[in-house]
């Protein structure tokens, strides 16, 4: 169960990170989770409301079928993972599809949070910015 849960949380983190980029936020800079190397802290923040939904989805998935030992692998460090064997059915596809569906259900919540963050900025920080190094490009080339 933990192997499947870890896999689903990994998919959820990817879906959340992609949504944050789409919404114009940096998924690295967290509010609740401390910024840590190799972790998308804002994505972890935004994932929290979805975790119980993923847990419920996984419990329903577990209840709906039987599992084979071959669907899991044990790493050299003793950790169990969902197996992905070329040419054989894998749990990865149905778990990823179900987790992505949960993420889509969270889109309105994530948009609402982003809009609240934007509205909470001081007025001076809402100035229009051009992407990357194009700040002040009109003044630079106006001569």
C-alpha atoms as a PDB file:
ATOM      1  CA  UNK A   1       0.000   0.000   0.000  1.00  0.00           C
ATOM      2  CA  UNK A   2       2.814   2.419   0.837  1.00  0.00           C
ATOM      3  CA  UNK A   3       4.464   1.758  -2.526  1.00  0.00           C
ATOM      4  CA  UNK A   4       1.250   2.710  -4.324  1.00  0.00           C
ATOM      5  CA  UNK A   5       0.672   5.705  -2.058  1.00  0.00           C
ATOM      6  CA  UNK A   6       4.218   6.985  -2.671  1.00  0.00           C
ATOM      7  CA  UNK A   7       3.725   6.568  -6.402  1.00  0.00           C
ATOM      8  CA  UNK A   8       0.408   8.468  -6.310  1.00  0.00           C
ATOM      9  CA  UNK A   9       1.913  11.277  -4.249  1.00  0.00           C
ATOM     10  CA  UNK A  10       4.744  11.536  -6.782  1.00  0.00           C
ATOM     11  CA  UNK A  11       2.223  11.866  -9.606  1.00  0.00           C
ATOM     12  CA  UNK A  12       0.247  14.420  -7.572  1.00  0.00           C
ATOM     13  CA  UNK A  13       3.417  16.456  -6.982  1.00  0.00           C
ATOM     14  CA  UNK A  14       4.106  16.515 -10.713  1.00  0.00           C
ATOM     15  CA  UNK A  15       0.541  17.545 -11.523  1.00  0.00           C
ATOM     16  CA  UNK A  16       0.632  20.242  -8.838  1.00  0.00           C
ATOM     17  CA  UNK A  17       4.002  21.579  -9.992  1.00  0.00           C
ATOM     18  CA  UNK A  18       2.767  21.823 -13.590  1.00  0.00           C
ATOM     19  CA  UNK A  19      -0.391  23.633 -12.446  1.00  0.00           C
ATOM     20  CA  UNK A  20       1.630  26.137 -10.412  1.00  0.00           C
ATOM     21  CA  UNK A  21       3.812  26.944 -13.414  1.00  0.00           C
ATOM     22  CA  UNK A  22       0.664  27.388 -15.500  1.00  0.00           C
ATOM     23  CA  UNK A  23      -0.728  29.756 -12.855  1.00  0.00           C
ATOM     24  CA  UNK A  24       2.473  31.799 -12.805  1.00  0.00           C
ATOM     25  CA  UNK A  25       3.848  30.714  -9.424  1.00  0.00           C
ATOM     26  CA  UNK A  26       7.246  29.313  -8.574  1.00  0.00           C
ATOM     27  CA  UNK A  27       6.605  25.823  -7.154  1.00  0.00           C
ATOM     28  CA  UNK A  28       9.895  25.942  -5.232  1.00  0.00           C
ATOM     29  CA  UNK A  29       9.046  28.828  -2.867  1.00  0.00           C
ATOM     30  CA  UNK A  30       6.822  27.451  -0.133  1.00  0.00           C
ATOM     31  CA  UNK A  31       4.558  29.099   2.399  1.00  0.00           C
ATOM     32  CA  UNK A  32       3.856  26.245   4.821  1.00  0.00           C
ATOM     33  CA  UNK A  33       6.654  23.838   3.905  1.00  0.00           C
ATOM     34  CA  UNK A  34      10.206  25.026   4.491  1.00  0.00           C
ATOM     35  CA  UNK A  35      12.192  25.571   1.337  1.00  0.00           C
ATOM     36  CA  UNK A  36      14.492  22.587   0.992  1.00  0.00           C
ATOM     37  CA  UNK A  37      16.906  21.560  -1.741  1.00  0.00           C
ATOM     38  CA  UNK A  38      15.273  19.222  -4.289  1.00  0.00           C
ATOM     39  CA  UNK A  39      11.720  19.839  -3.030  1.00  0.00           C
ATOM     40  CA  UNK A  40       9.002  21.926  -4.629  1.00  0.00           C
ATOM     41  CA  UNK A  41       7.781  23.434  -1.347  1.00  0.00           C
ATOM     42  CA  UNK A  42       4.865  25.415  -2.836  1.00  0.00           C
ATOM     43  CA  UNK A  43       3.738  22.277  -4.651  1.00  0.00           C
ATOM     44  CA  UNK A  44       3.875  20.440  -1.322  1.00  0.00           C
ATOM     45  CA  UNK A  45       1.761  23.225   0.210  1.00  0.00           C
ATOM     46  CA  UNK A  46      -0.852  22.997  -2.528  1.00  0.00           C
ATOM     47  CA  UNK A  47      -0.891  19.178  -2.419  1.00  0.00           C
ATOM     48  CA  UNK A  48      -2.072  19.040   1.195  1.00  0.00           C
ATOM     49  CA  UNK A  49      -5.816  19.460   0.492  1.00  0.00           C
ATOM     50  CA  UNK A  50      -5.604  16.762  -2.201  1.00  0.00           C
ATOM     51  CA  UNK A  51      -3.881  14.114  -0.075  1.00  0.00           C
ATOM     52  CA  UNK A  52      -7.096  12.813   1.572  1.00  0.00           C
ATOM     53  CA  UNK A  53      -8.690  12.614  -1.875  1.00  0.00           C
ATOM     54  CA  UNK A  54      -5.743  10.559  -3.167  1.00  0.00           C
ATOM     55  CA  UNK A  55      -5.924   8.350  -0.070  1.00  0.00           C
ATOM     56  CA  UNK A  56      -9.643   7.702  -0.683  1.00  0.00           C
ATOM     57  CA  UNK A  57      -9.044   7.002  -4.375  1.00  0.00           C
ATOM     58  CA  UNK A  58      -6.307   4.519  -3.488  1.00  0.00           C
ATOM     59  CA  UNK A  59      -8.451   2.762  -0.873  1.00  0.00           C
ATOM     60  CA  UNK A  60     -11.203   2.343  -3.483  1.00  0.00           C
ATOM     61  CA  UNK A  61      -8.605   1.068  -5.981  1.00  0.00           C
ATOM     62  CA  UNK A  62      -7.239  -1.443  -3.469  1.00  0.00           C
ATOM     63  CA  UNK A  63     -10.742  -2.628  -2.642  1.00  0.00           C
ATOM     64  CA  UNK A  64     -11.578  -3.182  -6.306  1.00  0.00           C
ATOM     65  CA  UNK A  65      -8.895  -5.724  -7.217  1.00  0.00           C
ATOM     66  CA  UNK A  66      -6.345  -8.321  -6.174  1.00  0.00           C
ATOM     67  CA  UNK A  67      -2.632  -7.714  -6.510  1.00  0.00           C
ATOM     68  CA  UNK A  68       0.219  -9.921  -7.644  1.00  0.00           C
ATOM     69  CA  UNK A  69       3.644  -9.994  -6.072  1.00  0.00           C
ATOM     70  CA  UNK A  70       5.141  -9.258  -9.506  1.00  0.00           C
ATOM     71  CA  UNK A  71       3.444  -5.830  -9.520  1.00  0.00           C
ATOM     72  CA  UNK A  72       5.941  -4.651  -6.898  1.00  0.00           C
ATOM     73  CA  UNK A  73       9.720  -4.633  -6.672  1.00  0.00           C
ATOM     74  CA  UNK A  74      11.996  -4.381  -3.680  1.00  0.00           C
ATOM     75  CA  UNK A  75      14.966  -2.058  -4.118  1.00  0.00           C
ATOM     76  CA  UNK A  76      18.466  -2.841  -2.871  1.00  0.00           C
ATOM     77  CA  UNK A  77      17.737  -0.655   0.163  1.00  0.00           C
ATOM     78  CA  UNK A  78      14.639  -2.688   1.034  1.00  0.00           C
ATOM     79  CA  UNK A  79      12.064  -0.177  -0.164  1.00  0.00           C
ATOM     80  CA  UNK A  80       9.079  -1.499  -2.114  1.00  0.00           C
ATOM     81  CA  UNK A  81       8.056   0.275  -5.333  1.00  0.00           C
ATOM     82  CA  UNK A  82       5.364  -0.198  -7.955  1.00  0.00           C
ATOM     83  CA  UNK A  83       6.952  -2.338 -10.671  1.00  0.00           C
ATOM     84  CA  UNK A  84       7.132  -1.245 -14.265  1.00  0.00           C
ATOM     85  CA  UNK A  85       8.164  -4.186 -16.390  1.00  0.00           C
ATOM     86  CA  UNK A  86       8.426  -3.658 -20.170  1.00  0.00           C
ATOM     87  CA  UNK A  87       5.743  -5.530 -22.043  1.00  0.00           C
ATOM     88  CA  UNK A  88       3.725  -6.394 -18.938  1.00  0.00           C
ATOM     89  CA  UNK A  89       0.671  -4.711 -17.413  1.00  0.00           C
ATOM     90  CA  UNK A  90       1.626  -2.279 -14.681  1.00  0.00           C
ATOM     91  CA  UNK A  91      -0.156  -0.531 -11.861  1.00  0.00           C
ATOM     92  CA  UNK A  92       1.524   2.713 -12.957  1.00  0.00           C
ATOM     93  CA  UNK A  93      -0.969   3.640 -15.679  1.00  0.00           C
ATOM     94  CA  UNK A  94      -4.225   3.221 -13.712  1.00  0.00           C
ATOM     95  CA  UNK A  95      -2.719   4.849 -10.617  1.00  0.00           C
ATOM     96  CA  UNK A  96      -1.359   7.798 -12.602  1.00  0.00           C
ATOM     97  CA  UNK A  97      -4.663   8.310 -14.432  1.00  0.00           C
ATOM     98  CA  UNK A  98      -6.693   8.203 -11.215  1.00  0.00           C
ATOM     99  CA  UNK A  99      -4.296  10.577  -9.438  1.00  0.00           C
ATOM    100  CA  UNK A 100      -4.346  13.023 -12.375  1.00  0.00           C
ATOM    101  CA  UNK A 101      -8.146  13.014 -12.162  1.00  0.00           C
ATOM    102  CA  UNK A 102      -7.929  13.944  -8.468  1.00  0.00           C
ATOM    103  CA  UNK A 103      -5.528  16.770  -9.364  1.00  0.00           C
ATOM    104  CA  UNK A 104      -7.976  18.136 -11.954  1.00  0.00           C
ATOM    105  CA  UNK A 105     -10.639  18.246  -9.246  1.00  0.00           C
ATOM    106  CA  UNK A 106      -8.261  20.490  -7.261  1.00  0.00           C
ATOM    107  CA  UNK A 107      -7.747  23.028 -10.045  1.00  0.00           C
ATOM    108  CA  UNK A 108     -10.464  25.433  -8.824  1.00  0.00           C
ATOM    109  CA  UNK A 109      -9.007  25.368  -5.293  1.00  0.00           C
ATOM    110  CA  UNK A 110      -5.498  26.023  -6.558  1.00  0.00           C
ATOM    111  CA  UNK A 111      -6.709  28.897  -8.740  1.00  0.00           C
ATOM    112  CA  UNK A 112      -8.541  30.392  -5.769  1.00  0.00           C
ATOM    113  CA  UNK A 113      -5.424  30.213  -3.584  1.00  0.00           C
ATOM    114  CA  UNK A 114      -3.290  31.817  -6.308  1.00  0.00           C
ATOM    115  CA  UNK A 115      -5.827  34.631  -6.743  1.00  0.00           C
ATOM    116  CA  UNK A 116      -5.819  35.251  -2.976  1.00  0.00           C
ATOM    117  CA  UNK A 117      -2.004  35.426  -2.998  1.00  0.00           C
ATOM    118  CA  UNK A 118      -2.020  37.907  -5.877  1.00  0.00           C
ATOM    119  CA  UNK A 119      -4.641  40.087  -4.166  1.00  0.00           C
ATOM    120  CA  UNK A 120      -2.639  40.044  -0.911  1.00  0.00           C
ATOM    121  CA  UNK A 121       0.422  41.617  -2.552  1.00  0.00           C
ATOM    122  CA  UNK A 122       1.112  45.268  -1.783  1.00  0.00           C
ATOM    123  CA  UNK A 123       0.060  47.486  -4.671  1.00  0.00           C
ATOM    124  CA  UNK A 124       3.670  48.369  -5.503  1.00  0.00           C
ATOM    125  CA  UNK A 125       4.473  44.717  -6.194  1.00  0.00           C
ATOM    126  CA  UNK A 126       1.720  44.358  -8.811  1.00  0.00           C
ATOM    127  CA  UNK A 127       3.549  46.341 -11.497  1.00  0.00           C
ATOM    128  CA  UNK A 128       3.675  44.805 -14.918  1.00  0.00           C
ATOM    129  CA  UNK A 129       6.858  42.866 -15.596  1.00  0.00           C
ATOM    130  CA  UNK A 130       8.084  41.461 -18.868  1.00  0.00           C
ATOM    131  CA  UNK A 131       9.472  37.923 -18.956  1.00  0.00           C
ATOM    132  CA  UNK A 132      13.101  37.292 -18.105  1.00  0.00           C
ATOM    133  CA  UNK A 133      15.604  39.975 -19.183  1.00  0.00           C
ATOM    134  CA  UNK A 134      13.142  42.129 -21.124  1.00  0.00           C
ATOM    135  CA  UNK A 135      12.623  44.575 -18.236  1.00  0.00           C
ATOM    136  CA  UNK A 136      13.094  48.156 -19.426  1.00  0.00           C
ATOM    137  CA  UNK A 137      13.749  46.984 -22.990  1.00  0.00           C
ATOM    138  CA  UNK A 138      11.742  49.910 -24.423  1.00  0.00           C
ATOM    139  CA  UNK A 139      13.928  52.439 -22.602  1.00  0.00           C
ATOM    140  CA  UNK A 140      17.121  50.610 -23.542  1.00  0.00           C
ATOM    141  CA  UNK A 141      16.329  50.655 -27.271  1.00  0.00           C
ATOM    142  CA  UNK A 142      14.464  53.997 -27.437  1.00  0.00           C
ATOM    143  CA  UNK A 143      17.587  55.945 -28.499  1.00  0.00           C
END
